[in-house]
Structure formats: structure tokens, C-alpha cells
Amino acid sequence: MKFEDRAVAFIDVLGFKTLVAGAVERDEQLKQLSGLVDLLSSAVPTLDASVDTSIAAHLIPKHIYISDCIILSAPLTDTDRQSYDGLSVVVMRAIQLAHYFLRAGHLIRGGISVGKVWHTNSNIVGPAYQEAFLLEQNCNEPIIVLSESAAKRWNGGSRMCLQDNGQVFVNGLFDYYIPNNTQHGEIERTYANYAALADQKLAEGLPQSAHEKWSWFKTFLQTEASEGLKWAQA
């Protein structure tokens, strides 16, 4: 066992537990659950497949997934690449996952920390992982929050992370990571699809907790979409 300095993300797909409960008795929800499990297992490998072959394998975030959670980590620094920043890499992958699951109709929530962890293909141990896990557990909104140490390390300079009410969180709607965003109208179409999804969810008679999360997301989308469209229309 060897602990390393890494950036760690603990990401949870919201609504999974309710789906599991329904899947025990209803075939339709069992089908939905099976689809979500497939989505969870394929998400990171799908994103990894698009990574440039020039990137060293040890710098591509490691991942494991357990039930409805995806756990990521990457080295904080690399001696051979002074420009490499593991925290930015993990934040980038978190944004990609936010878009990935939104396209399938799901919100995510999580935490990102930096520090010591031991991460293998099947397990992860260390205080940075524990902190990321607790951040997710204590968060109400559908966002991925940076720990205090990660927030201090974040160099800013883009809308990949935002700050509100004293906390720094990943901007899961960041337009730069919308697939095919250079195609004319793609950013507008994506945000319109997300808005329609939010309206659909809010009309479904969701439990109060889920309704509050989709309501928060809709408000955030209205703000962030205007920022993304400034870039798209420039």
C-alpha cells in the first residue's frame, strides 16, 4: 500500500435509491434501473476513449464504480509535465460526467478533495477519499463541491468552477465540454434540451427532495445558459 498525493472525486447519481426500491416490484423500473447500471459502468470508459493517445496512461484519472457512485482520482502533479494539474483534470472529468448523465436524464452530486490516497483498480483508501465522500453526503444541491483544500488549490481563470455562498463547486453545465459544441446551434440545443428535461421532471410529481433539486437545477441553468450563449454567439 502506497499513499500518493491525488485529486479525488466522489460522484453520486441522484434518484438511484428510489429506482432500486421500485425495481423490486415493477418491471418497468427494473428496466430503467438496468439501463442506469449500464450507463454507470460505461460512462468513464466512454470518456477515456476520447483521450488523446499522447497522454500518459498514469495521468488519465483512475476510476471505480460502486452501486450508484463513481470514484475518480488523478495525480496532483507530474514531474515530467510542469503544466499538468491533476485537480483541473478531475474537475474536467466531473463536468463531462455531468453532461453525460444529464443527456440520459439524471442529475449528479459529489465532492472533490486533494490529499493522500491509495487507489487501485478495485479499491481506494485515504483521507482525501473520505473527505470527498463526506462532502457528497452533506450536500443538498445537485453540485460537486470542492473541499477547502481543493478550493484553495483551484487556480480559477475559467468557469469550470464557480463560487456561491462561500463554497466552490464544479460548473457541471460548462459549455466548453458540451459534445460537438463547435457545431452551429449545438450549445443552444443542449441547454434547451436540459430545460425541457427539468420541466418534465418538475411536472412528474416527484418527492419533495427530488423536486427541490430539479428546481435548483432549472434556476442554475437559466443563469449558466446565458453565459454559455455569450461564447456561442461571439
C-alpha atoms as a PDB file:
ATOM      1  CA  MET A   1       0.000   0.000   0.000  1.00  0.00           C
ATOM      2  CA  LYS A   2       1.460   3.335  -1.092  1.00  0.00           C
ATOM      3  CA  PHE A   3      -0.270   6.650  -0.455  1.00  0.00           C
ATOM      4  CA  GLU A   4       0.047   9.344  -3.123  1.00  0.00           C
ATOM      5  CA  ASP A   5      -0.999  12.982  -3.438  1.00  0.00           C
ATOM      6  CA  ARG A   6      -4.036  12.866  -5.696  1.00  0.00           C
ATOM      7  CA  ALA A   7      -7.202  14.758  -6.544  1.00  0.00           C
ATOM      8  CA  VAL A   8     -10.225  12.631  -5.698  1.00  0.00           C
ATOM      9  CA  ALA A   9     -13.867  12.902  -6.749  1.00  0.00           C
ATOM     10  CA  PHE A  10     -16.790  11.020  -5.249  1.00  0.00           C
ATOM     11  CA  ILE A  11     -19.811  11.324  -7.553  1.00  0.00           C
ATOM     12  CA  ASP A  12     -23.318  10.048  -6.876  1.00  0.00           C
ATOM     13  CA  VAL A  13     -26.127   9.676  -9.432  1.00  0.00           C
ATOM     14  CA  LEU A  14     -29.292  11.065  -7.848  1.00  0.00           C
ATOM     15  CA  GLY A  15     -32.529   9.114  -7.844  1.00  0.00           C
ATOM     16  CA  PHE A  16     -30.861   5.705  -7.894  1.00  0.00           C
ATOM     17  CA  LYS A  17     -32.148   4.536  -4.500  1.00  0.00           C
ATOM     18  CA  THR A  18     -35.766   5.324  -5.394  1.00  0.00           C
ATOM     19  CA  LEU A  19     -35.355   3.442  -8.659  1.00  0.00           C
ATOM     20  CA  VAL A  20     -33.926   0.418  -6.843  1.00  0.00           C
ATOM     21  CA  ALA A  21     -36.882   0.325  -4.458  1.00  0.00           C
ATOM     22  CA  GLY A  22     -39.350   0.409  -7.346  1.00  0.00           C
ATOM     23  CA  ALA A  23     -37.413  -2.111  -9.440  1.00  0.00           C
ATOM     24  CA  VAL A  24     -38.003  -4.835  -6.860  1.00  0.00           C
ATOM     25  CA  GLU A  25     -41.716  -4.869  -7.695  1.00  0.00           C
ATOM     26  CA  ARG A  26     -42.149  -3.239 -11.099  1.00  0.00           C
ATOM     27  CA  ASP A  27     -40.711  -4.493 -14.390  1.00  0.00           C
ATOM     28  CA  GLU A  28     -40.651  -1.023 -15.962  1.00  0.00           C
ATOM     29  CA  GLN A  29     -38.486   0.371 -13.176  1.00  0.00           C
ATOM     30  CA  LEU A  30     -36.327  -2.736 -13.289  1.00  0.00           C
ATOM     31  CA  LYS A  31     -35.686  -1.971 -16.947  1.00  0.00           C
ATOM     32  CA  GLN A  32     -34.844   1.647 -16.099  1.00  0.00           C
ATOM     33  CA  LEU A  33     -32.502   0.502 -13.330  1.00  0.00           C
ATOM     34  CA  SER A  34     -30.729  -1.897 -15.663  1.00  0.00           C
ATOM     35  CA  GLY A  35     -30.217   0.929 -18.142  1.00  0.00           C
ATOM     36  CA  LEU A  36     -28.800   3.201 -15.455  1.00  0.00           C
ATOM     37  CA  VAL A  37     -26.393   0.499 -14.243  1.00  0.00           C
ATOM     38  CA  ASP A  38     -25.170   0.078 -17.827  1.00  0.00           C
ATOM     39  CA  LEU A  39     -24.778   3.848 -18.073  1.00  0.00           C
ATOM     40  CA  LEU A  40     -22.756   3.979 -14.863  1.00  0.00           C
ATOM     41  CA  SER A  41     -20.391   1.231 -15.957  1.00  0.00           C
ATOM     42  CA  SER A  42     -19.830   2.686 -19.423  1.00  0.00           C
ATOM     43  CA  ALA A  43     -19.545   6.399 -18.558  1.00  0.00           C
ATOM     44  CA  VAL A  44     -15.847   6.734 -17.737  1.00  0.00           C
ATOM     45  CA  PRO A  45     -14.614   4.179 -20.324  1.00  0.00           C
ATOM     46  CA  THR A  46     -16.558   6.109 -22.974  1.00  0.00           C
ATOM     47  CA  LEU A  47     -14.873   9.366 -21.953  1.00  0.00           C
ATOM     48  CA  ASP A  48     -11.462   7.683 -21.680  1.00  0.00           C
ATOM     49  CA  ALA A  49     -11.777   6.510 -25.273  1.00  0.00           C
ATOM     50  CA  SER A  50     -11.668  10.131 -26.456  1.00  0.00           C
ATOM     51  CA  VAL A  51      -8.420  10.967 -24.622  1.00  0.00           C
ATOM     52  CA  ASP A  52      -5.522  11.798 -26.935  1.00  0.00           C
ATOM     53  CA  THR A  53      -3.106   8.872 -27.277  1.00  0.00           C
ATOM     54  CA  SER A  54      -0.210  11.211 -26.427  1.00  0.00           C
ATOM     55  CA  ILE A  55      -1.441  11.470 -22.816  1.00  0.00           C
ATOM     56  CA  ALA A  56       0.488   9.205 -20.452  1.00  0.00           C
ATOM     57  CA  ALA A  57      -1.703   6.449 -19.064  1.00  0.00           C
ATOM     58  CA  HIS A  58      -0.907   7.252 -15.422  1.00  0.00           C
ATOM     59  CA  LEU A  59      -2.294  10.784 -15.875  1.00  0.00           C
ATOM     60  CA  ILE A  60      -5.715   9.593 -17.056  1.00  0.00           C
ATOM     61  CA  PRO A  61      -7.960   9.507 -13.957  1.00  0.00           C
ATOM     62  CA  LYS A  62      -8.378   6.104 -12.375  1.00  0.00           C
ATOM     63  CA  HIS A  63     -11.940   5.130 -11.653  1.00  0.00           C
ATOM     64  CA  ILE A  64     -14.059   2.567  -9.886  1.00  0.00           C
ATOM     65  CA  TYR A  65     -17.815   2.487  -9.570  1.00  0.00           C
ATOM     66  CA  ILE A  66     -19.889   1.051  -6.730  1.00  0.00           C
ATOM     67  CA  SER A  67     -23.688   0.902  -6.924  1.00  0.00           C
ATOM     68  CA  ASP A  68     -24.716   4.455  -7.919  1.00  0.00           C
ATOM     69  CA  CYS A  69     -21.315   6.084  -7.321  1.00  0.00           C
ATOM     70  CA  ILE A  70     -18.280   6.793  -9.476  1.00  0.00           C
ATOM     71  CA  ILE A  71     -14.957   7.441  -7.762  1.00  0.00           C
ATOM     72  CA  LEU A  72     -12.153   9.169  -9.676  1.00  0.00           C
ATOM     73  CA  SER A  73      -8.610  10.156  -8.817  1.00  0.00           C
ATOM     74  CA  ALA A  74      -5.580  11.563 -10.607  1.00  0.00           C
ATOM     75  CA  PRO A  75      -2.039  12.531  -9.532  1.00  0.00           C
ATOM     76  CA  LEU A  76      -1.921  16.114  -8.319  1.00  0.00           C
ATOM     77  CA  THR A  77       1.324  16.848 -10.187  1.00  0.00           C
ATOM     78  CA  ASP A  78       3.698  15.206 -12.657  1.00  0.00           C
ATOM     79  CA  THR A  79       7.456  15.717 -12.662  1.00  0.00           C
ATOM     80  CA  ASP A  80       7.664  15.366 -16.445  1.00  0.00           C
ATOM     81  CA  ARG A  81       4.914  17.896 -17.198  1.00  0.00           C
ATOM     82  CA  GLN A  82       5.123  21.155 -15.297  1.00  0.00           C
ATOM     83  CA  SER A  83       1.823  22.364 -16.782  1.00  0.00           C
ATOM     84  CA  TYR A  84      -0.100  19.301 -15.611  1.00  0.00           C
ATOM     85  CA  ASP A  85      -2.686  19.940 -12.877  1.00  0.00           C
ATOM     86  CA  GLY A  86      -4.488  16.870 -11.551  1.00  0.00           C
ATOM     87  CA  LEU A  87      -7.212  18.879  -9.852  1.00  0.00           C
ATOM     88  CA  SER A  88      -8.150  20.531 -13.154  1.00  0.00           C
ATOM     89  CA  VAL A  89      -8.206  17.108 -14.814  1.00  0.00           C
ATOM     90  CA  VAL A  90     -10.608  15.706 -12.229  1.00  0.00           C
ATOM     91  CA  VAL A  91     -12.813  18.822 -12.429  1.00  0.00           C
ATOM     92  CA  MET A  92     -12.878  18.457 -16.226  1.00  0.00           C
ATOM     93  CA  ARG A  93     -13.920  14.817 -15.980  1.00  0.00           C
ATOM     94  CA  ALA A  94     -16.625  15.731 -13.441  1.00  0.00           C
ATOM     95  CA  ILE A  95     -18.058  18.275 -15.914  1.00  0.00           C
ATOM     96  CA  GLN A  96     -18.008  15.684 -18.674  1.00  0.00           C
ATOM     97  CA  LEU A  97     -19.875  13.256 -16.426  1.00  0.00           C
ATOM     98  CA  ALA A  98     -22.448  15.903 -15.527  1.00  0.00           C
ATOM     99  CA  HIS A  99     -23.248  16.394 -19.210  1.00  0.00           C
ATOM    100  CA  TYR A 100     -23.117  12.633 -19.836  1.00  0.00           C
ATOM    101  CA  PHE A 101     -25.741  11.868 -17.202  1.00  0.00           C
ATOM    102  CA  LEU A 102     -27.895  14.900 -17.967  1.00  0.00           C
ATOM    103  CA  ARG A 103     -28.259  13.688 -21.535  1.00  0.00           C
ATOM    104  CA  ALA A 104     -29.672  10.496 -20.037  1.00  0.00           C
ATOM    105  CA  GLY A 105     -31.972  12.405 -17.673  1.00  0.00           C
ATOM    106  CA  HIS A 106     -30.029  12.251 -14.402  1.00  0.00           C
ATOM    107  CA  LEU A 107     -28.522  14.787 -12.016  1.00  0.00           C
ATOM    108  CA  ILE A 108     -25.298  14.077 -10.142  1.00  0.00           C
ATOM    109  CA  ARG A 109     -23.861  15.317  -6.870  1.00  0.00           C
ATOM    110  CA  GLY A 110     -20.467  14.899  -5.249  1.00  0.00           C
ATOM    111  CA  GLY A 111     -17.325  16.139  -3.623  1.00  0.00           C
ATOM    112  CA  ILE A 112     -13.735  16.707  -4.706  1.00  0.00           C
ATOM    113  CA  SER A 113     -10.774  16.767  -2.357  1.00  0.00           C
ATOM    114  CA  VAL A 114      -6.981  16.671  -2.598  1.00  0.00           C
ATOM    115  CA  GLY A 115      -4.551  14.728  -0.459  1.00  0.00           C
ATOM    116  CA  LYS A 116      -3.286  11.265   0.313  1.00  0.00           C
ATOM    117  CA  VAL A 117      -4.959   8.198  -1.157  1.00  0.00           C
ATOM    118  CA  TRP A 118      -4.121   4.702  -2.284  1.00  0.00           C
ATOM    119  CA  HIS A 119      -6.119   3.891  -5.410  1.00  0.00           C
ATOM    120  CA  THR A 120      -6.090   0.543  -7.211  1.00  0.00           C
ATOM    121  CA  ASN A 121      -8.373  -0.866  -9.899  1.00  0.00           C
ATOM    122  CA  SER A 122     -10.721  -2.209  -7.233  1.00  0.00           C
ATOM    123  CA  ASN A 123     -10.302  -0.100  -4.103  1.00  0.00           C
ATOM    124  CA  ILE A 124      -9.464   3.348  -2.772  1.00  0.00           C
ATOM    125  CA  VAL A 125      -8.313   4.253   0.731  1.00  0.00           C
ATOM    126  CA  GLY A 126      -7.175   7.511   2.292  1.00  0.00           C
ATOM    127  CA  PRO A 127      -8.227  10.766   3.948  1.00  0.00           C
ATOM    128  CA  ALA A 128      -8.783  12.586   0.639  1.00  0.00           C
ATOM    129  CA  TYR A 129     -11.302   9.938  -0.416  1.00  0.00           C
ATOM    130  CA  GLN A 130     -13.053  10.102   2.947  1.00  0.00           C
ATOM    131  CA  GLU A 131     -13.321  13.880   2.686  1.00  0.00           C
ATOM    132  CA  ALA A 132     -14.751  13.714  -0.842  1.00  0.00           C
ATOM    133  CA  PHE A 133     -17.306  11.143   0.331  1.00  0.00           C
ATOM    134  CA  LEU A 134     -18.408  13.300   3.266  1.00  0.00           C
ATOM    135  CA  LEU A 135     -18.744  16.353   1.038  1.00  0.00           C
ATOM    136  CA  GLU A 136     -21.213  14.470  -1.141  1.00  0.00           C
ATOM    137  CA  GLN A 137     -23.134  13.180   1.866  1.00  0.00           C
ATOM    138  CA  ASN A 138     -23.523  16.685   3.318  1.00  0.00           C
ATOM    139  CA  CYS A 139     -24.507  18.452   0.089  1.00  0.00           C
ATOM    140  CA  ASN A 140     -28.149  19.207  -0.701  1.00  0.00           C
ATOM    141  CA  GLU A 141     -27.894  20.753  -4.157  1.00  0.00           C
ATOM    142  CA  PRO A 142     -27.074  18.712  -7.298  1.00  0.00           C
ATOM    143  CA  ILE A 143     -23.492  20.004  -7.468  1.00  0.00           C
ATOM    144  CA  ILE A 144     -19.961  18.718  -6.921  1.00  0.00           C
ATOM    145  CA  VAL A 145     -18.355  20.704  -4.109  1.00  0.00           C
ATOM    146  CA  LEU A 146     -14.627  21.274  -3.671  1.00  0.00           C
ATOM    147  CA  SER A 147     -13.134  20.767  -0.223  1.00  0.00           C
ATOM    148  CA  GLU A 148     -11.475  23.719   1.456  1.00  0.00           C
ATOM    149  CA  SER A 149      -8.035  22.406   0.457  1.00  0.00           C
ATOM    150  CA  ALA A 150      -9.120  21.804  -3.130  1.00  0.00           C
ATOM    151  CA  ALA A 151     -10.757  25.239  -3.331  1.00  0.00           C
ATOM    152  CA  LYS A 152      -7.522  26.882  -2.170  1.00  0.00           C
ATOM    153  CA  ARG A 153      -5.595  24.928  -4.791  1.00  0.00           C
ATOM    154  CA  TRP A 154      -8.020  25.771  -7.617  1.00  0.00           C
ATOM    155  CA  ASN A 155      -6.352  28.385  -9.794  1.00  0.00           C
ATOM    156  CA  GLY A 156      -9.559  29.756 -11.287  1.00  0.00           C
ATOM    157  CA  GLY A 157      -9.354  31.580 -14.580  1.00  0.00           C
ATOM    158  CA  SER A 158     -12.399  29.914 -16.126  1.00  0.00           C
ATOM    159  CA  ARG A 159     -15.998  28.997 -15.373  1.00  0.00           C
ATOM    160  CA  MET A 160     -15.081  25.342 -14.799  1.00  0.00           C
ATOM    161  CA  CYS A 161     -15.685  26.088 -11.118  1.00  0.00           C
ATOM    162  CA  LEU A 162     -17.950  28.695  -9.568  1.00  0.00           C
ATOM    163  CA  GLN A 163     -18.321  30.180  -6.098  1.00  0.00           C
ATOM    164  CA  ASP A 164     -21.534  30.797  -4.196  1.00  0.00           C
ATOM    165  CA  ASN A 165     -22.415  31.088  -0.512  1.00  0.00           C
ATOM    166  CA  GLY A 166     -18.810  30.559   0.476  1.00  0.00           C
ATOM    167  CA  GLN A 167     -18.326  27.288  -1.376  1.00  0.00           C
ATOM    168  CA  VAL A 168     -16.544  26.474  -4.624  1.00  0.00           C
ATOM    169  CA  PHE A 169     -18.286  23.934  -6.845  1.00  0.00           C
ATOM    170  CA  VAL A 170     -17.866  22.370 -10.266  1.00  0.00           C
ATOM    171  CA  ASN A 171     -19.835  24.041 -13.049  1.00  0.00           C
ATOM    172  CA  GLY A 172     -21.482  20.945 -14.458  1.00  0.00           C
ATOM    173  CA  LEU A 173     -23.071  22.999 -17.256  1.00  0.00           C
ATOM    174  CA  PHE A 174     -19.800  24.476 -18.519  1.00  0.00           C
ATOM    175  CA  ASP A 175     -20.355  24.844 -22.260  1.00  0.00           C
ATOM    176  CA  TYR A 176     -16.791  24.004 -23.318  1.00  0.00           C
ATOM    177  CA  TYR A 177     -17.445  20.330 -22.519  1.00  0.00           C
ATOM    178  CA  ILE A 178     -20.758  20.048 -24.328  1.00  0.00           C
ATOM    179  CA  PRO A 179     -20.131  17.411 -27.019  1.00  0.00           C
ATOM    180  CA  ASN A 180     -19.903  18.879 -30.542  1.00  0.00           C
ATOM    181  CA  ASN A 181     -20.072  22.394 -29.125  1.00  0.00           C
ATOM    182  CA  THR A 182     -18.401  23.869 -32.200  1.00  0.00           C
ATOM    183  CA  GLN A 183     -21.334  22.864 -34.382  1.00  0.00           C
ATOM    184  CA  HIS A 184     -23.701  25.745 -35.089  1.00  0.00           C
ATOM    185  CA  GLY A 185     -26.539  25.847 -32.582  1.00  0.00           C
ATOM    186  CA  GLU A 186     -25.354  22.847 -30.523  1.00  0.00           C
ATOM    187  CA  ILE A 187     -24.923  24.788 -27.279  1.00  0.00           C
ATOM    188  CA  GLU A 188     -28.375  26.345 -27.658  1.00  0.00           C
ATOM    189  CA  ARG A 189     -29.931  22.950 -28.426  1.00  0.00           C
ATOM    190  CA  THR A 190     -28.234  21.332 -25.449  1.00  0.00           C
ATOM    191  CA  TYR A 191     -29.377  23.956 -22.981  1.00  0.00           C
ATOM    192  CA  ALA A 192     -32.899  23.846 -24.448  1.00  0.00           C
ATOM    193  CA  ASN A 193     -32.943  20.057 -24.003  1.00  0.00           C
ATOM    194  CA  TYR A 194     -31.804  20.428 -20.393  1.00  0.00           C
ATOM    195  CA  ALA A 195     -34.549  23.000 -19.752  1.00  0.00           C
ATOM    196  CA  ALA A 196     -37.174  20.689 -21.242  1.00  0.00           C
ATOM    197  CA  LEU A 197     -35.852  17.831 -19.091  1.00  0.00           C
ATOM    198  CA  ALA A 198     -36.119  19.968 -15.944  1.00  0.00           C
ATOM    199  CA  ASP A 199     -39.693  20.966 -16.818  1.00  0.00           C
ATOM    200  CA  GLN A 200     -40.589  17.341 -17.435  1.00  0.00           C
ATOM    201  CA  LYS A 201     -39.152  16.236 -14.095  1.00  0.00           C
ATOM    202  CA  LEU A 202     -40.852  19.058 -12.217  1.00  0.00           C
ATOM    203  CA  ALA A 203     -44.207  18.017 -13.709  1.00  0.00           C
ATOM    204  CA  GLU A 204     -43.860  14.374 -12.660  1.00  0.00           C
ATOM    205  CA  GLY A 205     -44.934  14.771  -9.045  1.00  0.00           C
ATOM    206  CA  LEU A 206     -41.538  13.915  -7.632  1.00  0.00           C
ATOM    207  CA  PRO A 207     -40.863  13.583  -3.900  1.00  0.00           C
ATOM    208  CA  GLN A 208     -40.105  16.958  -2.317  1.00  0.00           C
ATOM    209  CA  SER A 209     -36.354  16.359  -2.097  1.00  0.00           C
ATOM    210  CA  ALA A 210     -36.054  15.444  -5.777  1.00  0.00           C
ATOM    211  CA  HIS A 211     -38.364  18.306  -6.797  1.00  0.00           C
ATOM    212  CA  GLU A 212     -36.155  20.784  -4.922  1.00  0.00           C
ATOM    213  CA  LYS A 213     -33.037  19.512  -6.708  1.00  0.00           C
ATOM    214  CA  TRP A 214     -34.580  19.846 -10.172  1.00  0.00           C
ATOM    215  CA  SER A 215     -35.943  23.275  -9.253  1.00  0.00           C
ATOM    216  CA  TRP A 216     -32.451  24.371  -8.160  1.00  0.00           C
ATOM    217  CA  PHE A 217     -31.015  22.956 -11.382  1.00  0.00           C
ATOM    218  CA  LYS A 218     -33.537  24.844 -13.533  1.00  0.00           C
ATOM    219  CA  THR A 219     -32.650  28.146 -11.858  1.00  0.00           C
ATOM    220  CA  PHE A 220     -28.932  27.473 -12.243  1.00  0.00           C
ATOM    221  CA  LEU A 221     -29.431  26.518 -15.887  1.00  0.00           C
ATOM    222  CA  GLN A 222     -31.131  29.826 -16.641  1.00  0.00           C
ATOM    223  CA  THR A 223     -28.087  31.665 -15.291  1.00  0.00           C
ATOM    224  CA  GLU A 224     -25.410  29.492 -16.837  1.00  0.00           C
ATOM    225  CA  ALA A 225     -27.072  29.169 -20.236  1.00  0.00           C
ATOM    226  CA  SER A 226     -26.832  32.921 -20.742  1.00  0.00           C
ATOM    227  CA  GLU A 227     -23.087  32.751 -20.051  1.00  0.00           C
ATOM    228  CA  GLY A 228     -22.584  29.869 -22.448  1.00  0.00           C
ATOM    229  CA  LEU A 229     -24.565  31.537 -25.176  1.00  0.00           C
ATOM    230  CA  LYS A 230     -22.387  34.642 -24.958  1.00  0.00           C
ATOM    231  CA  TRP A 231     -19.468  32.463 -26.067  1.00  0.00           C
ATOM    232  CA  ALA A 232     -21.528  30.621 -28.663  1.00  0.00           C
ATOM    233  CA  GLN A 233     -22.748  33.833 -30.279  1.00  0.00           C
ATOM    234  CA  ALA A 234     -19.417  35.685 -30.113  1.00  0.00           C
END
